[in-house]
N, C-alpha and C. Protein backbone atom coordinates (compact mmCIF):
# COMPACT_ATOMS: atom_id res chain seq x y z
N MET A 1 103.11 148.72 65.69
CA MET A 1 102.31 148.90 66.88
C MET A 1 102.69 147.82 67.89
N LEU A 2 103.00 148.22 69.10
CA LEU A 2 103.36 147.30 70.17
C LEU A 2 102.14 147.00 71.01
N ILE A 3 101.85 145.72 71.17
CA ILE A 3 100.72 145.30 71.99
C ILE A 3 101.28 144.74 73.29
N THR A 4 100.81 145.23 74.39
CA THR A 4 101.28 144.73 75.69
C THR A 4 100.16 143.97 76.38
N VAL A 5 100.55 142.94 77.07
CA VAL A 5 99.61 142.13 77.83
C VAL A 5 100.05 142.19 79.28
N PRO A 6 99.14 142.50 80.18
CA PRO A 6 99.52 142.55 81.59
C PRO A 6 100.05 141.20 82.07
N LEU A 7 101.14 141.24 82.82
CA LEU A 7 101.76 140.03 83.32
C LEU A 7 100.77 139.20 84.12
N GLN A 8 99.94 139.82 84.90
CA GLN A 8 98.98 139.10 85.73
C GLN A 8 98.07 138.21 84.88
N SER A 9 97.64 138.69 83.73
CA SER A 9 96.76 137.87 82.89
C SER A 9 97.50 136.67 82.33
N CYS A 10 98.79 136.81 82.04
CA CYS A 10 99.60 135.69 81.56
C CYS A 10 99.75 134.64 82.66
N LEU A 11 99.99 135.09 83.88
CA LEU A 11 100.15 134.17 85.00
C LEU A 11 98.86 133.42 85.29
N VAL A 12 97.75 134.11 85.26
CA VAL A 12 96.46 133.47 85.51
C VAL A 12 96.18 132.44 84.44
N LYS A 13 96.45 132.77 83.18
CA LYS A 13 96.22 131.83 82.09
C LYS A 13 97.10 130.60 82.26
N SER A 14 98.38 130.80 82.60
CA SER A 14 99.30 129.69 82.78
C SER A 14 98.83 128.78 83.91
N MET A 15 98.41 129.36 85.01
CA MET A 15 97.97 128.57 86.15
C MET A 15 96.69 127.81 85.83
N SER A 16 95.81 128.39 85.03
CA SER A 16 94.54 127.73 84.73
C SER A 16 94.70 126.58 83.75
N ASN A 17 95.83 126.50 83.05
CA ASN A 17 96.07 125.43 82.10
C ASN A 17 96.57 124.15 82.75
N ARG A 18 96.78 124.17 84.06
CA ARG A 18 97.29 122.99 84.74
C ARG A 18 96.15 122.03 85.05
N ASP A 19 96.27 120.82 84.56
CA ASP A 19 95.29 119.77 84.81
C ASP A 19 95.48 119.26 86.24
N PRO A 20 94.44 119.31 87.07
CA PRO A 20 94.58 118.90 88.47
C PRO A 20 95.02 117.45 88.65
N GLU A 21 94.56 116.56 87.78
CA GLU A 21 94.94 115.15 87.87
C GLU A 21 96.42 114.98 87.54
N VAL A 22 96.88 115.65 86.48
CA VAL A 22 98.29 115.60 86.11
C VAL A 22 99.13 116.21 87.23
N MET A 23 98.67 117.31 87.80
CA MET A 23 99.41 117.93 88.89
C MET A 23 99.58 116.97 90.06
N GLN A 24 98.53 116.27 90.42
CA GLN A 24 98.61 115.32 91.53
C GLN A 24 99.60 114.20 91.21
N GLN A 25 99.57 113.69 90.00
CA GLN A 25 100.48 112.61 89.61
C GLN A 25 101.94 113.09 89.58
N VAL A 26 102.16 114.29 89.05
CA VAL A 26 103.51 114.85 89.01
C VAL A 26 104.04 115.05 90.42
N LYS A 27 103.24 115.66 91.27
CA LYS A 27 103.69 115.93 92.65
C LYS A 27 103.94 114.64 93.42
N ALA A 28 103.08 113.64 93.24
CA ALA A 28 103.26 112.37 93.95
C ALA A 28 104.53 111.65 93.51
N THR A 29 104.78 111.63 92.20
CA THR A 29 105.98 110.95 91.71
C THR A 29 107.25 111.72 92.06
N LEU A 30 107.19 113.05 92.03
CA LEU A 30 108.35 113.84 92.44
C LEU A 30 108.63 113.67 93.93
N ALA A 31 107.60 113.58 94.74
CA ALA A 31 107.78 113.35 96.18
C ALA A 31 108.47 112.01 96.41
N GLN A 32 108.09 111.02 95.64
CA GLN A 32 108.73 109.70 95.76
C GLN A 32 110.18 109.77 95.29
N LEU A 33 110.45 110.53 94.25
CA LEU A 33 111.83 110.72 93.78
C LEU A 33 112.69 111.33 94.89
N VAL A 34 112.16 112.32 95.58
CA VAL A 34 112.90 112.96 96.67
C VAL A 34 113.21 111.96 97.78
N LYS A 35 112.27 111.04 98.06
CA LYS A 35 112.52 109.99 99.06
C LYS A 35 113.61 109.03 98.59
N LEU A 36 113.58 108.69 97.31
CA LEU A 36 114.57 107.75 96.76
C LEU A 36 115.95 108.37 96.62
N ALA A 37 115.99 109.67 96.35
CA ALA A 37 117.25 110.38 96.10
C ALA A 37 117.31 111.65 96.94
N PRO A 38 117.49 111.49 98.26
CA PRO A 38 117.52 112.68 99.11
C PRO A 38 118.74 113.56 98.80
N GLY A 39 118.60 114.82 99.04
CA GLY A 39 119.68 115.77 98.80
C GLY A 39 119.18 116.98 98.04
N ARG A 40 120.13 117.83 97.64
CA ARG A 40 119.76 119.08 96.94
C ARG A 40 120.71 119.39 95.79
N ALA A 41 121.34 118.37 95.23
CA ALA A 41 122.33 118.61 94.18
C ALA A 41 121.71 118.78 92.79
N ILE A 42 120.51 118.24 92.59
CA ILE A 42 119.86 118.26 91.27
C ILE A 42 118.52 118.96 91.40
N GLU A 43 118.23 119.86 90.48
CA GLU A 43 116.90 120.46 90.44
C GLU A 43 116.14 119.84 89.28
N VAL A 44 114.98 119.28 89.58
CA VAL A 44 114.12 118.67 88.56
C VAL A 44 112.92 119.58 88.38
N ARG A 45 112.73 120.04 87.16
CA ARG A 45 111.65 120.98 86.84
C ARG A 45 110.65 120.34 85.88
N ILE A 46 109.38 120.38 86.28
CA ILE A 46 108.29 119.89 85.44
C ILE A 46 107.30 121.04 85.30
N PRO A 47 107.60 122.01 84.43
CA PRO A 47 106.71 123.17 84.32
C PRO A 47 105.40 122.80 83.62
N PRO A 48 104.30 123.41 83.98
CA PRO A 48 104.13 124.41 85.04
C PRO A 48 103.69 123.78 86.37
N TYR A 49 103.98 122.51 86.57
CA TYR A 49 103.43 121.78 87.71
C TYR A 49 104.26 121.83 89.00
N ALA A 50 105.55 121.60 88.90
CA ALA A 50 106.35 121.52 90.13
C ALA A 50 107.83 121.50 89.81
N ALA A 51 108.62 121.73 90.84
CA ALA A 51 110.08 121.59 90.77
C ALA A 51 110.55 121.11 92.14
N VAL A 52 111.53 120.22 92.15
CA VAL A 52 112.09 119.72 93.40
C VAL A 52 113.60 119.66 93.30
N GLN A 53 114.22 119.57 94.46
CA GLN A 53 115.66 119.34 94.52
C GLN A 53 115.86 117.97 95.13
N CYS A 54 116.81 117.24 94.57
CA CYS A 54 117.08 115.89 95.04
C CYS A 54 118.52 115.52 94.71
N GLY A 55 118.93 114.35 95.13
CA GLY A 55 120.24 113.82 94.77
C GLY A 55 121.37 114.29 95.66
N GLU A 56 122.25 113.35 95.95
CA GLU A 56 123.42 113.65 96.77
C GLU A 56 124.42 114.48 95.99
N GLY A 57 125.20 115.24 96.75
CA GLY A 57 126.23 116.08 96.15
C GLY A 57 126.12 117.49 96.69
N PRO A 58 126.95 118.36 96.15
CA PRO A 58 126.93 119.75 96.62
C PRO A 58 125.57 120.40 96.36
N SER A 59 125.05 121.07 97.37
CA SER A 59 123.76 121.75 97.20
C SER A 59 124.00 123.21 96.81
N HIS A 60 122.95 123.83 96.37
CA HIS A 60 123.03 125.24 95.97
C HIS A 60 121.91 125.99 96.67
N SER A 61 122.08 127.31 96.80
CA SER A 61 121.04 128.07 97.46
C SER A 61 120.59 129.30 96.68
N ARG A 62 121.39 129.74 95.69
CA ARG A 62 120.99 130.91 94.90
C ARG A 62 121.35 130.71 93.44
N GLY A 63 120.57 131.34 92.60
CA GLY A 63 120.86 131.29 91.17
C GLY A 63 120.51 129.95 90.55
N THR A 64 120.95 129.77 89.33
CA THR A 64 120.70 128.53 88.62
C THR A 64 121.61 127.44 89.15
N PRO A 65 121.04 126.31 89.56
CA PRO A 65 121.87 125.24 90.09
C PRO A 65 122.73 124.60 88.99
N PRO A 66 123.82 123.95 89.38
CA PRO A 66 124.71 123.35 88.38
C PRO A 66 124.12 122.11 87.69
N ASN A 67 123.18 121.46 88.33
CA ASN A 67 122.57 120.24 87.76
C ASN A 67 121.07 120.47 87.64
N VAL A 68 120.61 120.65 86.41
CA VAL A 68 119.20 120.96 86.17
C VAL A 68 118.64 119.98 85.14
N ILE A 69 117.46 119.47 85.46
CA ILE A 69 116.73 118.59 84.55
C ILE A 69 115.35 119.20 84.35
N GLU A 70 114.94 119.34 83.10
CA GLU A 70 113.61 119.90 82.82
C GLU A 70 112.95 119.09 81.72
N MET A 71 111.66 118.88 81.89
CA MET A 71 110.88 118.14 80.89
C MET A 71 109.40 118.42 81.09
N SER A 72 108.61 118.00 80.14
CA SER A 72 107.16 118.17 80.24
C SER A 72 106.59 117.16 81.24
N ALA A 73 105.38 117.43 81.69
CA ALA A 73 104.70 116.51 82.59
C ALA A 73 104.48 115.16 81.91
N GLU A 74 104.16 115.18 80.63
CA GLU A 74 103.92 113.94 79.91
C GLU A 74 105.17 113.07 79.89
N THR A 75 106.32 113.69 79.63
CA THR A 75 107.58 112.94 79.61
C THR A 75 107.89 112.41 81.00
N TRP A 76 107.76 113.26 82.02
CA TRP A 76 108.06 112.83 83.39
C TRP A 76 107.19 111.64 83.80
N LEU A 77 105.90 111.71 83.53
CA LEU A 77 105.01 110.62 83.93
C LEU A 77 105.30 109.34 83.14
N ALA A 78 105.70 109.47 81.89
CA ALA A 78 106.09 108.30 81.11
C ALA A 78 107.36 107.66 81.69
N LEU A 79 108.32 108.49 82.11
CA LEU A 79 109.53 107.98 82.76
C LEU A 79 109.19 107.32 84.09
N ALA A 80 108.39 108.01 84.88
CA ALA A 80 108.05 107.51 86.21
C ALA A 80 107.31 106.18 86.15
N SER A 81 106.50 106.00 85.13
CA SER A 81 105.72 104.76 85.00
C SER A 81 106.48 103.65 84.28
N GLY A 82 107.60 103.99 83.68
CA GLY A 82 108.37 102.99 82.95
C GLY A 82 107.97 102.83 81.50
N GLU A 83 107.11 103.71 81.01
CA GLU A 83 106.68 103.64 79.61
C GLU A 83 107.81 103.99 78.65
N VAL A 84 108.77 104.78 79.13
CA VAL A 84 109.92 105.17 78.31
C VAL A 84 111.15 105.17 79.22
N THR A 85 112.31 104.92 78.65
CA THR A 85 113.54 104.93 79.44
C THR A 85 114.17 106.32 79.41
N TRP A 86 115.03 106.55 80.39
CA TRP A 86 115.76 107.82 80.47
C TRP A 86 116.55 108.04 79.19
N LYS A 87 117.26 107.02 78.74
CA LYS A 87 118.11 107.14 77.56
C LYS A 87 117.30 107.54 76.33
N VAL A 88 116.18 106.89 76.11
CA VAL A 88 115.34 107.19 74.94
C VAL A 88 114.80 108.61 75.02
N ALA A 89 114.29 109.00 76.19
CA ALA A 89 113.74 110.35 76.34
C ALA A 89 114.82 111.42 76.17
N LEU A 90 116.00 111.17 76.72
CA LEU A 90 117.10 112.13 76.61
C LEU A 90 117.55 112.26 75.16
N GLU A 91 117.75 111.12 74.50
CA GLU A 91 118.21 111.15 73.10
C GLU A 91 117.18 111.76 72.15
N SER A 92 115.91 111.66 72.50
CA SER A 92 114.86 112.23 71.63
C SER A 92 114.71 113.73 71.82
N GLY A 93 115.37 114.27 72.86
CA GLY A 93 115.25 115.70 73.13
C GLY A 93 114.09 116.05 74.05
N ALA A 94 113.42 115.04 74.59
CA ALA A 94 112.29 115.30 75.49
C ALA A 94 112.75 115.77 76.87
N ILE A 95 114.03 115.56 77.17
CA ILE A 95 114.59 115.98 78.45
C ILE A 95 115.71 116.98 78.18
N SER A 96 115.72 118.05 78.93
CA SER A 96 116.84 118.99 78.93
C SER A 96 117.59 118.73 80.22
N ALA A 97 118.85 118.31 80.12
CA ALA A 97 119.64 117.98 81.31
C ALA A 97 121.02 118.60 81.19
N SER A 98 121.44 119.31 82.26
CA SER A 98 122.77 119.89 82.26
C SER A 98 123.41 119.63 83.62
N GLY A 99 124.70 119.35 83.60
CA GLY A 99 125.43 119.09 84.83
C GLY A 99 125.84 117.64 84.94
N ALA A 100 126.91 117.40 85.67
CA ALA A 100 127.47 116.06 85.81
C ALA A 100 126.53 115.09 86.53
N ARG A 101 125.66 115.60 87.38
CA ARG A 101 124.75 114.73 88.14
C ARG A 101 123.32 114.72 87.57
N ALA A 102 123.12 115.29 86.43
CA ALA A 102 121.77 115.42 85.86
C ALA A 102 121.34 114.14 85.15
N ASP A 103 121.18 113.09 85.93
CA ASP A 103 120.77 111.79 85.40
C ASP A 103 119.94 111.08 86.47
N LEU A 104 118.70 110.79 86.16
CA LEU A 104 117.81 110.14 87.12
C LEU A 104 117.56 108.68 86.80
N SER A 105 118.28 108.13 85.84
CA SER A 105 117.98 106.77 85.37
C SER A 105 118.01 105.72 86.47
N GLU A 106 118.86 105.87 87.47
CA GLU A 106 118.93 104.85 88.52
C GLU A 106 117.70 104.84 89.42
N TYR A 107 116.87 105.88 89.37
CA TYR A 107 115.68 105.96 90.21
C TYR A 107 114.38 105.63 89.48
N LEU A 108 114.49 105.37 88.20
CA LEU A 108 113.30 105.16 87.38
C LEU A 108 113.16 103.70 86.99
N PRO A 109 111.93 103.19 86.82
CA PRO A 109 110.66 103.86 87.09
C PRO A 109 110.44 104.04 88.60
N ILE A 110 109.48 104.86 88.92
CA ILE A 110 109.16 105.18 90.31
C ILE A 110 107.88 104.43 90.71
N ARG A 111 107.97 103.77 91.84
CA ARG A 111 106.81 103.08 92.36
C ARG A 111 106.31 103.85 93.58
N ILE A 112 105.09 104.31 93.51
CA ILE A 112 104.50 105.08 94.60
C ILE A 112 104.27 104.16 95.80
N GLY A 113 104.59 104.69 96.98
CA GLY A 113 104.35 103.96 98.20
C GLY A 113 105.52 103.14 98.69
N LYS A 114 106.63 103.15 97.96
CA LYS A 114 107.81 102.40 98.41
C LYS A 114 108.51 103.10 99.51
């Protein structure tokens, strides 16, 4: 027996699981990252909270970009605050990074308001 779930209910559930405080922290730190590393060569994804493009180099406009970094909000906030290093998070598998420019270590930790 095949059970189907309407896509709309999945989207609503996903959106409702986002903690507003975590969302604010993720968006603020990603905004600061974009200021520190202007450009569109790297796509940083923190699902389900936000995604940004940053970093110098060739930009992309369609499809999957060549440099993609994805991680949980918890990992991103730990990196941004300096609780964990890029190397440790990457080696532990907490970060998925692909592409020659998919490295944010030079911008971390992030200080808000700089």
